[in-house]
Amino acid sequence: MQRKRGRDSTNGRFIPLEEARRRPRETIVETVKKPCPEKPERK
């Protein structure tokens, strides 16, 4: 599963997605993949 995240390009902080789409010159909309659950080690 993938999620969209808004990031401010001037300071690198995450911002709401609606605000990122409103300011395309100053922001980036990233696609972040959900991390896979780690499998326990086998002995």
N, C-alpha and C. Protein backbone atom coordinates (compact mmCIF):
# COMPACT_ATOMS: atom_id res chain seq x y z
N MET A 1 0.83 -1.18 0.00
CA MET A 1 0.00 0.00 0.00
C MET A 1 0.88 1.25 0.00
N GLN A 2 0.50 2.24 -0.75
CA GLN A 2 1.28 3.45 -0.85
C GLN A 2 0.47 4.63 -0.35
N ARG A 3 1.15 5.61 0.19
CA ARG A 3 0.49 6.79 0.70
C ARG A 3 1.15 8.03 0.12
N LYS A 4 0.37 9.06 -0.07
CA LYS A 4 0.88 10.33 -0.56
C LYS A 4 1.18 11.22 0.64
N ARG A 5 2.31 11.92 0.59
CA ARG A 5 2.72 12.84 1.64
C ARG A 5 3.14 14.15 1.00
N GLY A 6 2.80 15.24 1.63
CA GLY A 6 3.23 16.55 1.17
C GLY A 6 4.45 16.98 1.96
N ARG A 7 5.44 17.57 1.28
CA ARG A 7 6.66 18.01 1.95
C ARG A 7 7.00 19.41 1.46
N ASP A 8 7.34 20.27 2.40
CA ASP A 8 7.77 21.62 2.07
C ASP A 8 9.21 21.56 1.57
N SER A 9 9.48 22.13 0.40
CA SER A 9 10.82 22.02 -0.18
C SER A 9 11.81 23.00 0.44
N THR A 10 11.34 24.02 1.16
CA THR A 10 12.28 24.97 1.76
C THR A 10 12.87 24.45 3.06
N ASN A 11 12.06 23.77 3.89
CA ASN A 11 12.58 23.31 5.17
C ASN A 11 12.50 21.78 5.35
N GLY A 12 11.85 21.07 4.42
CA GLY A 12 11.81 19.62 4.46
C GLY A 12 10.76 19.02 5.39
N ARG A 13 9.92 19.85 5.97
CA ARG A 13 8.91 19.33 6.90
C ARG A 13 7.68 18.83 6.15
N PHE A 14 7.01 17.84 6.77
CA PHE A 14 5.77 17.34 6.20
C PHE A 14 4.66 18.35 6.45
N ILE A 15 3.80 18.51 5.45
CA ILE A 15 2.67 19.42 5.54
C ILE A 15 1.43 18.69 5.04
N PRO A 16 0.23 19.22 5.30
CA PRO A 16 -0.97 18.57 4.80
C PRO A 16 -0.98 18.48 3.28
N LEU A 17 -1.56 17.42 2.76
CA LEU A 17 -1.57 17.16 1.32
C LEU A 17 -2.31 18.25 0.56
N GLU A 18 -3.39 18.77 1.13
CA GLU A 18 -4.15 19.82 0.46
C GLU A 18 -3.32 21.08 0.28
N GLU A 19 -2.53 21.42 1.30
CA GLU A 19 -1.66 22.60 1.22
C GLU A 19 -0.56 22.40 0.19
N ALA A 20 -0.04 21.18 0.09
CA ALA A 20 1.01 20.90 -0.89
C ALA A 20 0.49 21.02 -2.31
N ARG A 21 -0.73 20.62 -2.54
CA ARG A 21 -1.31 20.74 -3.88
C ARG A 21 -1.66 22.19 -4.20
N ARG A 22 -1.90 23.00 -3.18
CA ARG A 22 -2.22 24.41 -3.38
C ARG A 22 -0.97 25.23 -3.72
N ARG A 23 0.21 24.79 -3.25
CA ARG A 23 1.46 25.52 -3.49
C ARG A 23 2.46 24.64 -4.24
N PRO A 24 2.24 24.37 -5.53
CA PRO A 24 3.12 23.42 -6.24
C PRO A 24 4.55 23.92 -6.44
N ARG A 25 4.79 25.22 -6.42
CA ARG A 25 6.16 25.72 -6.61
C ARG A 25 7.04 25.49 -5.39
N GLU A 26 6.43 25.48 -4.21
CA GLU A 26 7.20 25.40 -2.96
C GLU A 26 7.13 24.04 -2.29
N THR A 27 6.37 23.11 -2.85
CA THR A 27 6.18 21.83 -2.18
C THR A 27 6.35 20.66 -3.14
N ILE A 28 6.45 19.48 -2.54
CA ILE A 28 6.59 18.23 -3.29
C ILE A 28 5.57 17.25 -2.73
N VAL A 29 4.86 16.54 -3.60
CA VAL A 29 3.97 15.47 -3.17
C VAL A 29 4.70 14.16 -3.43
N GLU A 30 5.00 13.44 -2.36
CA GLU A 30 5.77 12.20 -2.45
C GLU A 30 4.87 10.99 -2.27
N THR A 31 5.27 9.89 -2.86
CA THR A 31 4.60 8.61 -2.63
C THR A 31 5.50 7.79 -1.71
N VAL A 32 4.98 7.45 -0.54
CA VAL A 32 5.75 6.71 0.45
C VAL A 32 5.15 5.32 0.57
N LYS A 33 5.99 4.31 0.40
CA LYS A 33 5.52 2.93 0.51
C LYS A 33 5.43 2.53 1.98
N LYS A 34 4.42 1.74 2.29
CA LYS A 34 4.25 1.24 3.65
C LYS A 34 5.33 0.19 3.90
N PRO A 35 6.04 0.26 5.02
CA PRO A 35 7.10 -0.72 5.26
C PRO A 35 6.54 -2.12 5.46
N CYS A 36 7.27 -3.10 4.99
CA CYS A 36 6.86 -4.50 5.14
C CYS A 36 7.13 -4.94 6.57
N PRO A 37 6.30 -5.79 7.13
CA PRO A 37 6.57 -6.28 8.49
C PRO A 37 7.82 -7.16 8.47
N GLU A 38 8.62 -7.00 9.49
CA GLU A 38 9.86 -7.77 9.56
C GLU A 38 9.55 -9.22 9.98
N LYS A 39 10.22 -10.14 9.34
CA LYS A 39 10.03 -11.55 9.64
C LYS A 39 11.00 -11.94 10.78
N PRO A 40 10.56 -12.80 11.69
CA PRO A 40 11.46 -13.24 12.75
C PRO A 40 12.59 -14.10 12.17
N GLU A 41 13.74 -14.02 12.79
CA GLU A 41 14.89 -14.78 12.30
C GLU A 41 14.72 -16.26 12.60
N ARG A 42 15.16 -17.09 11.69
CA ARG A 42 15.11 -18.54 11.89
C ARG A 42 16.44 -19.01 12.46
N LYS A 43 16.35 -20.01 13.29
CA LYS A 43 17.58 -20.56 13.88
C LYS A 43 17.96 -21.86 13.23
